[in-house]
Structures are given as structure tokens and as C-alpha cells.
Amino acid sequence: MAFHRRISITAVLALAVSVATTGAAVAATATPLPAVARVGVVASATPAAAFQGSLPAPTGRFAAGEDVIHLTDWSRPDPWVPSAGPRQLTVSMFYPAVAGTGTQAPYMTLAEAAGFIQYRVPAGTGITAQELHDVTTHAYDGARAVHGKYPLIVLSPGFENPRTTLTSLATELAGHGYVVALVGHTYEDSGETLANGQTPPCAICDGSSPTAPSPDDITASRAKDVSFVIDQLTHGTCAWRLSELIDKHSIGMAGHSIGGAATVDTMLSDPRVLAGANLDGTFFPVPAAGQITRPYLMMSHGLQDPTWIQTYANLGGYKRWLDVVGSNHATFTDIPILAQEVGLPAPSPIDPLRGTVITREYVTAFFDQSLKGIHESLLDGPTPGNPDVLFED
């Protein structure tokens, strides 16, 4: 089976979704990931002279603070570049903060932005690294934390997409009373700036290589990344200055594309993850019947992916499958919002802001119900205010 969620720039979005990012389905066999298609911008899509990007503000009662931390797993060599030494990860920590404190956090480092432009942004947009760095995130460096104990949500981005493309969801969750660990999976995207200041590019994105890892290899590796991050954040106070905010008995995970698929491996190997959400990622692997009995949310963009049908049937316990009408694979990320602000035409019928609102509302409601025990009627079934959210049986 070939990738069936591959998305071109002209057909899907703007700022960089060159592809359906791994969540796009490969063969059921261990077929290497195919090479990424490079598609230019349509001639009619002329961007504005200057790009002033801004993500939607969080809607919760808290502001969103942000710290960037660097973690090293000394027990594990890097799975993709063993010569680099132990596995290094960059993690953005978002947390409930006091409004009006801290300074505006950058969207990306300049080096991450340069890599993103080089690898993921089609030629002709005129976007600069400084402009991407300066995108308004509504997250604040050094913001004063609102003291308390909050559930921890780990977020994992899609293949080839840097962690920052889930910033809007991360700030929303922080605003609603969660600590969020947004993980950059080194060598799996356009670049994550490490503790030593280096920003290595993707080492495994050339799917034509005979040594390219299979999607199952990637999800298994991400599960190890996530469990290591949880270990570091919940054992002592060394990894993060505000680790006392985390309720280590209340942990969830969500991800986009292969990051969503990685929730399965993580939940199978780590019982601390009490709830999972997959945002449009083909399942690698499909869990067997009864393997996952903890709450699980699936959000899709309309394709009847056979791995989703099989997975949904095999899930035990509380589960929801929501299909977003008019969406595409990138709807669940920041990319369509930024694309629209660049001035590129809408890649799908759904308005980018509407797609963001749906993603944030339903993911937040799911974790409120699953981790905080708050019944959310939004999840009970279709609602008049959300006719574009279909409940699959």
C-alpha cells in the first residue's frame, strides 16, 4: 500500500506541509518511507511583502508560560545517528502562568526557522527566518507559574514537522490547566536546536534509502523518547525548574500523524500514560483487541484508513472517533493558520482558524474528561454548534 495521505503544497497548505508526513500510510510490510515530494507554490499565490504571523490566543483562564529544556538519555545511543552519541532531545515545556508576566517566547530559534524554510517551505514565499522566529505564540518565557498540581500532556509532532508546529495546541492546553511537554524528536524533522547550539537536519527523511527505518521503527523509538521525558519530569526536580507543577499520577499523550501513531506504542509500554489522542496518524502498529483499555481519542480528516477502522474496533474502554468535515492532514497543526497569514489560498474547505478551534476544543475536552474527571457533553455526540464534527461508530 503506498502512502495515501501524501499532500502537496498546492493542494494542502502553505508553510511547509510538503507531505502527509509519515502518518501517511506505508505498506503493511516494513517498507521504507518513500522520498518526500517537492512541490512549488502556484503562481497565483503571491505572499505579502512582509510576514507577521500570529497563532490564536489560548482561551483558558491561565496564560501560557514556556521553557525550553534539553535532555540527554545517556543509556541510549541515538537510534538514527549512533555516531552522535547518546540520544538528545529538545522539549518545550508549557505551563499555566500568571497573565502579564514573562516575555514573548519565539516560535522557533533562528536556526530552526532557517532549517524549516530550507526543507519545508516552498520557494517564492519570501518568508525569512527572523519572521518565523517572531511569530506571535501567546507563550511567555520566564512567566510566573500559577502554583498547583496539573496533569502532564506529552505532545509528539508529525514526521518531518518540528515540534513547534503544535504550539497552538500546547498553549491552549496550558491555558486550561495542563503542563505540556512538546517533544522535538531529533533527526526526524527540519531541525531541533540542541543544548550545544547545533541544529541537525533530518537524518531519516530520505525514504528511498535502503536503510530508512520503517514507520514501526519510528513509533517504537518515539515511545522510548516519550517515556524518557516522563521519567525526567517526574523523578526529582533536576530536569525542569517547575517540575513540582506536574501531577505525576495524571499523564496523557497526544500527537499528530506519526506522533499520534506513537501514542499506541507508548501506551502499550508505559502504563503511566492514562489517555491518548491520535490526530490523523495512520496506526503503526494497529493495537490488538484488548491491548488498550484506557481512554482514547481519534480525530481524522475524512479518509477511511483501514488501520483506523481496525484500531477503533480493537480499542477497549472509553473511545471516540471524530471526523472533521472539510479538513486535511495539516488541519490539526499550526501550519494552515500560518499559511493563510502568508497569503496563500486555502488548501481545504475548512477555514484554518475553524480547524484550530475544533482541534483545541475537542482535545482539551477529552483530557478534561479522561484526566480531570470532568464530564464533557461535547464528547457525547454531535452538537448543533459543530456540524462539521462527525462521530464515527
Protein backbone atom coordinates (compact mmCIF):
# COMPACT_ATOMS: atom_id res chain seq x y z
CA MET A 1 0.00 0.00 0.00
CA ALA A 2 1.50 3.35 -0.99
CA PHE A 3 1.34 6.48 1.10
CA HIS A 4 -2.27 7.65 0.83
CA ARG A 5 -2.04 10.79 2.92
CA ARG A 6 0.67 12.48 0.87
CA ILE A 7 -0.28 16.11 0.44
CA SER A 8 1.22 18.65 -1.93
CA ILE A 9 1.81 22.26 -1.01
CA THR A 10 -0.61 23.46 -3.65
CA ALA A 11 -3.31 21.03 -2.59
CA VAL A 12 -2.99 21.24 1.12
CA LEU A 13 -1.31 24.10 2.81
CA ALA A 14 1.26 26.63 2.70
CA LEU A 15 4.01 26.90 5.12
CA ALA A 16 5.55 23.61 4.59
CA VAL A 17 3.41 20.63 4.54
CA SER A 18 5.13 19.10 1.61
CA VAL A 19 3.81 15.77 2.57
CA ALA A 20 1.44 13.82 4.57
CA THR A 21 4.23 13.17 6.99
CA THR A 22 4.59 9.58 7.93
CA GLY A 23 1.10 9.38 9.17
CA ALA A 24 0.57 8.74 5.56
CA ALA A 25 0.29 5.08 5.19
CA VAL A 26 3.04 2.79 4.07
CA ALA A 27 2.68 -0.79 3.24
CA ALA A 28 1.70 -3.21 5.92
CA THR A 29 5.11 -4.70 5.37
CA ALA A 30 8.25 -2.97 6.62
CA THR A 31 8.57 -0.83 3.50
CA PRO A 32 10.97 2.13 3.85
CA LEU A 33 9.42 5.58 3.80
CA PRO A 34 9.31 6.97 0.25
CA ALA A 35 11.13 10.13 -0.68
CA VAL A 36 9.44 13.43 0.05
CA ALA A 37 7.79 15.13 -2.88
CA ARG A 38 8.89 18.68 -3.56
CA VAL A 39 6.12 20.88 -4.92
CA GLY A 40 6.38 24.59 -5.70
CA VAL A 41 3.83 27.27 -4.91
CA VAL A 42 1.21 28.05 -7.51
CA ALA A 43 1.90 31.24 -9.43
CA SER A 44 -1.27 32.92 -8.18
CA ALA A 45 -0.21 32.53 -4.55
CA THR A 46 1.74 35.74 -4.14
CA PRO A 47 2.66 36.32 -0.48
CA ALA A 48 2.59 39.66 1.23
CA ALA A 49 5.79 41.67 1.29
CA ALA A 50 6.25 41.02 5.00
CA PHE A 51 5.05 38.09 7.03
CA GLN A 52 3.72 38.84 10.51
CA GLY A 53 2.49 35.51 11.78
CA SER A 54 0.32 35.07 14.84
CA LEU A 55 -1.24 31.97 16.35
CA PRO A 56 -4.66 32.11 18.03
CA ALA A 57 -4.57 33.11 21.68
CA PRO A 58 -5.36 30.40 24.25
CA THR A 59 -8.90 30.52 25.62
CA GLY A 60 -8.39 29.17 29.14
CA ARG A 61 -8.25 31.14 32.38
CA PHE A 62 -4.45 30.97 32.56
CA ALA A 63 -1.75 32.49 30.43
CA ALA A 64 0.81 30.09 28.94
CA GLY A 65 4.38 30.11 30.18
CA GLU A 66 7.13 28.39 28.21
CA ASP A 67 10.55 26.99 28.98
CA VAL A 68 12.80 25.10 26.57
CA ILE A 69 14.79 22.30 28.15
CA HIS A 70 17.43 19.90 26.82
CA LEU A 71 17.55 16.28 27.91
CA THR A 72 20.13 13.56 27.28
CA ASP A 73 19.38 9.87 27.61
CA TRP A 74 22.82 8.54 28.49
CA SER A 75 21.55 4.94 28.46
CA ARG A 76 20.54 5.02 24.81
CA PRO A 77 22.56 5.85 21.70
CA ASP A 78 20.81 7.94 19.12
CA PRO A 79 18.80 5.45 17.02
CA TRP A 80 19.30 7.30 13.73
CA VAL A 81 22.82 8.72 14.06
CA PRO A 82 24.71 6.48 16.54
CA SER A 83 27.90 8.45 15.94
CA ALA A 84 26.23 11.44 17.58
CA GLY A 85 26.38 9.69 20.93
CA PRO A 86 23.53 9.41 23.43
CA ARG A 87 20.02 10.42 22.45
CA GLN A 88 19.47 14.18 22.86
CA LEU A 89 16.05 15.80 22.92
CA THR A 90 14.81 19.36 22.97
CA VAL A 91 11.49 19.81 24.77
CA SER A 92 9.27 22.87 25.04
CA MET A 93 7.52 22.99 28.42
CA PHE A 94 4.26 24.95 28.57
CA TYR A 95 2.54 25.62 31.87
CA PRO A 96 -0.27 27.65 33.50
CA ALA A 97 1.12 31.13 34.12
CA VAL A 98 0.12 34.50 35.53
CA ALA A 99 -1.02 36.87 32.80
CA GLY A 100 1.25 39.82 32.15
CA THR A 101 4.43 38.11 33.32
CA GLY A 102 7.39 36.99 31.23
CA THR A 103 8.41 37.99 27.72
CA GLN A 104 7.09 36.84 24.36
CA ALA A 105 8.56 33.42 23.51
CA PRO A 106 9.87 32.93 19.97
CA TYR A 107 8.16 30.42 17.73
CA MET A 108 11.47 28.86 16.68
CA THR A 109 15.14 29.54 17.12
CA LEU A 110 16.67 31.28 14.12
CA ALA A 111 18.47 28.08 13.19
CA GLU A 112 15.27 26.02 13.43
CA ALA A 113 13.48 28.61 11.30
CA ALA A 114 16.23 28.54 8.68
CA GLY A 115 16.05 24.75 8.50
CA PHE A 116 12.28 24.84 8.28
CA ILE A 117 12.39 27.32 5.40
CA GLN A 118 15.05 25.34 3.58
CA TYR A 119 13.42 21.97 4.00
CA ARG A 120 9.68 22.61 4.32
CA VAL A 121 8.74 26.00 2.83
CA PRO A 122 8.25 26.15 -0.94
CA ALA A 123 10.28 28.61 -2.94
CA GLY A 124 8.78 32.01 -3.59
CA THR A 125 7.10 32.75 -0.29
CA GLY A 126 9.72 35.30 0.73
CA ILE A 127 9.49 34.23 4.36
CA THR A 128 12.64 34.88 6.41
CA ALA A 129 13.99 33.04 9.41
CA GLN A 130 13.54 36.17 11.51
CA GLU A 131 9.86 36.35 10.58
CA LEU A 132 9.27 32.74 11.59
CA HIS A 133 11.21 33.31 14.81
CA ASP A 134 8.94 36.28 15.55
CA VAL A 135 5.57 34.57 15.06
CA THR A 136 3.32 35.53 17.98
CA THR A 137 2.94 32.39 20.06
CA HIS A 138 0.97 33.73 23.08
CA ALA A 139 3.51 31.89 25.23
CA TYR A 140 5.86 33.71 27.56
CA ASP A 141 9.43 32.98 28.59
CA GLY A 142 10.04 33.25 32.31
CA ALA A 143 6.36 33.75 33.12
CA ARG A 144 5.38 33.29 36.74
CA ALA A 145 3.73 29.91 37.25
CA VAL A 146 0.32 29.55 38.83
CA HIS A 147 1.13 27.20 41.67
CA GLY A 148 -0.73 23.94 41.91
CA LYS A 149 -0.66 20.42 40.53
CA TYR A 150 -1.57 19.87 36.89
CA PRO A 151 -1.86 16.84 34.62
CA LEU A 152 1.02 16.35 32.19
CA ILE A 153 0.32 16.05 28.45
CA VAL A 154 3.15 14.93 26.16
CA LEU A 155 2.80 16.08 22.54
CA SER A 156 4.59 14.46 19.60
CA PRO A 157 4.60 16.17 16.15
CA GLY A 158 4.31 14.64 12.71
CA PHE A 159 7.24 13.24 10.78
CA GLU A 160 9.38 15.99 9.21
CA ASN A 161 7.48 18.67 11.18
CA PRO A 162 9.38 20.30 14.05
CA ARG A 163 7.80 20.32 17.48
CA THR A 164 6.81 23.98 17.18
CA THR A 165 4.06 23.15 14.67
CA LEU A 166 1.90 22.04 17.64
CA THR A 167 2.41 25.26 19.60
CA SER A 168 -1.19 26.44 19.32
CA LEU A 169 -2.49 23.23 20.87
CA ALA A 170 0.20 23.34 23.56
CA THR A 171 -0.65 26.89 24.65
CA GLU A 172 -4.36 26.05 24.71
CA LEU A 173 -3.81 23.08 26.99
CA ALA A 174 -1.58 25.15 29.29
CA GLY A 175 -4.26 27.82 29.47
CA HIS A 176 -6.75 25.19 30.61
CA GLY A 177 -4.59 23.90 33.43
CA TYR A 178 -2.13 21.40 31.98
CA VAL A 179 1.63 21.13 31.89
CA VAL A 180 2.62 20.26 28.33
CA ALA A 181 5.86 18.65 27.17
CA LEU A 182 6.20 19.25 23.42
CA VAL A 183 8.94 16.90 22.26
CA GLY A 184 11.33 17.50 19.38
CA HIS A 185 12.42 14.12 18.02
CA THR A 186 15.99 14.76 16.89
CA TYR A 187 16.95 13.86 13.30
CA GLU A 188 13.27 13.32 12.38
CA ASP A 189 12.40 16.79 11.10
CA SER A 190 13.80 20.01 9.63
CA GLY A 191 15.83 20.69 12.76
CA GLU A 192 15.71 20.97 16.56
CA THR A 193 18.26 23.17 18.29
CA LEU A 194 20.14 21.06 20.85
CA ALA A 195 21.91 22.02 24.07
CA ASN A 196 25.22 22.52 22.24
CA GLY A 197 23.61 25.06 19.91
CA GLN A 198 23.68 22.77 16.89
CA THR A 199 20.51 22.22 14.84
CA PRO A 200 20.98 18.95 12.95
CA PRO A 201 18.72 18.31 9.94
CA CYS A 202 16.62 15.23 9.32
CA ALA A 203 18.70 12.06 9.01
CA ILE A 204 15.90 9.65 8.08
CA CYS A 205 13.68 11.64 5.74
CA ASP A 206 15.07 10.10 2.57
CA GLY A 207 12.72 7.18 2.34
CA SER A 208 14.43 5.92 -0.79
CA SER A 209 17.45 4.86 1.24
CA PRO A 210 17.65 1.09 1.80
CA THR A 211 18.49 1.78 5.43
CA ALA A 212 15.49 4.06 6.04
CA PRO A 213 13.57 2.98 9.14
CA SER A 214 10.04 1.66 8.85
CA PRO A 215 7.16 3.59 10.45
CA ASP A 216 7.02 0.91 13.15
CA ASP A 217 10.68 1.59 13.94
CA ILE A 218 9.92 5.30 14.27
CA THR A 219 6.91 4.87 16.56
CA ALA A 220 8.86 2.45 18.75
CA SER A 221 11.68 4.97 19.04
CA ARG A 222 9.28 7.77 19.86
CA ALA A 223 7.74 5.69 22.62
CA LYS A 224 11.20 5.46 24.17
CA ASP A 225 11.67 9.21 23.78
CA VAL A 226 8.36 9.93 25.49
CA SER A 227 8.91 7.53 28.39
CA PHE A 228 12.36 9.02 28.94
CA VAL A 229 10.88 12.53 29.01
CA ILE A 230 8.25 11.42 31.53
CA ASP A 231 10.98 9.83 33.65
CA GLN A 232 12.98 13.06 33.67
CA LEU A 233 10.00 15.25 34.51
CA THR A 234 8.58 13.10 37.29
CA HIS A 235 11.73 11.86 39.07
CA GLY A 236 13.20 14.65 41.16
CA THR A 237 13.47 18.30 40.14
CA CYS A 238 16.64 18.42 38.03
CA ALA A 239 15.23 18.23 34.51
CA TRP A 240 12.90 21.22 34.75
CA ARG A 241 12.77 24.09 37.21
CA LEU A 242 8.97 23.82 37.61
CA SER A 243 8.61 20.05 37.81
CA GLU A 244 6.69 20.43 41.09
CA LEU A 245 3.73 21.60 38.99
CA ILE A 246 3.30 18.13 37.49
CA ASP A 247 0.79 15.65 38.87
CA LYS A 248 2.79 12.53 38.05
CA HIS A 249 -0.29 10.35 38.55
CA SER A 250 -2.19 12.10 35.76
CA ILE A 251 -0.43 11.81 32.38
CA GLY A 252 -1.75 11.81 28.83
CA MET A 253 -0.26 11.89 25.35
CA ALA A 254 -1.39 13.29 22.01
CA GLY A 255 0.32 13.52 18.65
CA HIS A 256 -0.13 14.43 15.03
CA SER A 257 0.46 11.97 12.21
CA ILE A 258 3.21 9.53 13.23
CA GLY A 259 3.29 11.35 16.58
CA GLY A 260 -0.32 10.25 17.01
CA ALA A 261 0.54 6.73 15.93
CA ALA A 262 3.30 6.69 18.56
CA THR A 263 0.69 7.01 21.30
CA VAL A 264 -0.08 3.31 20.80
CA ASP A 265 3.49 2.10 21.34
CA THR A 266 3.83 4.47 24.28
CA MET A 267 0.61 3.35 25.97
CA LEU A 268 1.48 -0.31 25.41
CA SER A 269 4.90 0.07 27.03
CA ASP A 270 4.20 2.76 29.63
CA PRO A 271 1.19 2.34 31.94
CA ARG A 272 1.71 5.86 33.30
CA VAL A 273 0.08 7.26 30.16
CA LEU A 274 -3.58 7.12 31.13
CA ALA A 275 -5.15 8.57 27.96
CA GLY A 276 -4.09 9.01 24.34
CA ALA A 277 -5.15 11.03 21.31
CA ASN A 278 -4.17 10.43 17.68
CA LEU A 279 -4.60 13.40 15.34
CA ASP A 280 -4.83 11.91 11.86
CA GLY A 281 -1.97 9.44 12.01
CA THR A 282 -2.07 6.02 10.35
CA PHE A 283 -1.52 3.42 13.06
CA PHE A 284 1.91 1.78 13.19
CA PRO A 285 1.21 -0.74 14.66
CA VAL A 286 -2.50 -1.46 14.97
CA PRO A 287 -3.10 -2.48 18.59
CA ALA A 288 -4.57 -5.92 19.12
CA ALA A 289 -8.02 -6.25 20.63
CA GLY A 290 -7.95 -5.50 24.33
CA GLN A 291 -4.39 -4.14 24.37
CA ILE A 292 -5.52 -0.58 25.02
CA THR A 293 -8.35 -0.18 27.51
CA ARG A 294 -7.56 3.37 28.61
CA PRO A 295 -9.43 6.36 27.13
CA TYR A 296 -8.54 7.08 23.52
CA LEU A 297 -9.46 9.85 21.07
CA MET A 298 -9.08 9.68 17.28
CA MET A 299 -9.50 12.74 15.04
CA SER A 300 -9.34 12.30 11.26
CA HIS A 301 -9.67 14.29 8.06
CA GLY A 302 -12.08 12.10 6.14
CA LEU A 303 -10.10 9.20 4.73
CA GLN A 304 -11.28 5.74 5.65
CA ASP A 305 -7.88 4.49 6.67
CA PRO A 306 -8.17 0.72 7.24
CA THR A 307 -5.80 0.92 10.20
CA TRP A 308 -8.23 3.33 11.86
CA ILE A 309 -11.21 1.08 11.30
CA GLN A 310 -9.33 -1.87 12.74
CA THR A 311 -7.88 0.10 15.65
CA TYR A 312 -11.22 1.61 16.64
CA ALA A 313 -12.78 -1.85 16.69
CA ASN A 314 -9.94 -3.15 18.86
CA LEU A 315 -9.96 -0.36 21.43
CA GLY A 316 -11.44 -1.17 24.81
CA GLY A 317 -12.77 1.30 27.33
CA TYR A 318 -13.84 4.85 26.54
CA LYS A 319 -13.19 5.84 22.92
CA ARG A 320 -14.22 8.48 20.41
CA TRP A 321 -13.53 8.80 16.67
CA LEU A 322 -14.25 12.29 15.34
CA ASP A 323 -14.05 13.10 11.65
CA VAL A 324 -13.65 16.79 10.76
CA VAL A 325 -15.53 17.70 7.57
CA GLY A 326 -13.52 19.63 5.00
CA SER A 327 -10.22 19.20 6.85
CA ASN A 328 -6.91 17.78 5.66
CA HIS A 329 -3.89 16.19 7.24
CA ALA A 330 -2.39 19.52 8.32
CA THR A 331 -5.58 20.92 9.86
CA PHE A 332 -4.56 19.69 13.31
CA THR A 333 -1.32 21.73 13.31
CA ASP A 334 -0.32 25.42 13.18
CA ILE A 335 0.59 25.22 9.51
CA PRO A 336 -2.73 26.18 7.85
CA ILE A 337 -3.07 29.27 10.09
CA LEU A 338 0.41 30.46 9.15
CA ALA A 339 -0.19 29.59 5.52
CA GLN A 340 -3.26 31.78 5.43
CA GLU A 341 -1.34 34.63 7.01
CA VAL A 342 1.32 34.32 4.32
CA GLY A 343 -1.45 34.94 1.79
CA LEU A 344 -1.62 31.51 0.21
CA PRO A 345 -5.03 30.21 -0.89
CA ALA A 346 -6.95 27.91 1.42
CA PRO A 347 -5.85 24.32 0.77
CA SER A 348 -9.09 22.75 2.02
CA PRO A 349 -12.72 23.79 2.51
CA ILE A 350 -12.43 24.28 6.25
CA ASP A 351 -11.21 27.66 7.45
CA PRO A 352 -7.79 27.28 9.13
CA LEU A 353 -8.96 29.03 12.30
CA ARG A 354 -12.02 26.79 12.47
CA GLY A 355 -9.80 23.74 12.20
CA THR A 356 -7.66 25.00 15.06
CA VAL A 357 -10.70 25.74 17.22
CA ILE A 358 -12.09 22.24 16.67
CA THR A 359 -8.75 20.58 17.43
CA ARG A 360 -8.18 22.57 20.60
CA GLU A 361 -11.74 22.26 21.92
CA TYR A 362 -12.10 18.52 21.45
CA VAL A 363 -8.60 17.56 22.58
CA THR A 364 -8.98 19.71 25.70
CA ALA A 365 -12.42 18.28 26.42
CA PHE A 366 -11.08 14.75 26.03
CA PHE A 367 -8.27 15.27 28.53
CA ASP A 368 -10.55 17.20 30.90
CA GLN A 369 -12.84 14.18 30.97
CA SER A 370 -10.16 11.49 30.96
CA LEU A 371 -7.63 13.01 33.37
CA LYS A 372 -9.62 15.50 35.43
CA GLY A 373 -12.87 13.56 35.68
CA ILE A 374 -14.96 16.42 34.30
CA HIS A 375 -17.86 15.20 32.19
CA GLU A 376 -17.75 16.93 28.82
CA SER A 377 -21.06 16.88 26.94
CA LEU A 378 -19.13 17.97 23.84
CA LEU A 379 -17.95 14.37 23.59
CA ASP A 380 -21.38 12.78 24.00
CA GLY A 381 -22.34 13.14 20.35
CA PRO A 382 -22.96 15.61 17.52
CA THR A 383 -23.85 19.16 18.55
CA PRO A 384 -25.67 21.90 16.60
CA GLY A 385 -22.74 24.26 17.04
CA ASN A 386 -20.31 21.76 15.50
CA PRO A 387 -21.97 20.29 12.40
CA ASP A 388 -18.53 19.78 10.88
CA VAL A 389 -17.53 17.27 13.57
CA LEU A 390 -18.88 13.82 12.80
CA PHE A 391 -18.93 10.98 15.34
CA GLU A 392 -17.88 7.69 13.80
CA ASP A 393 -19.24 4.43 15.21
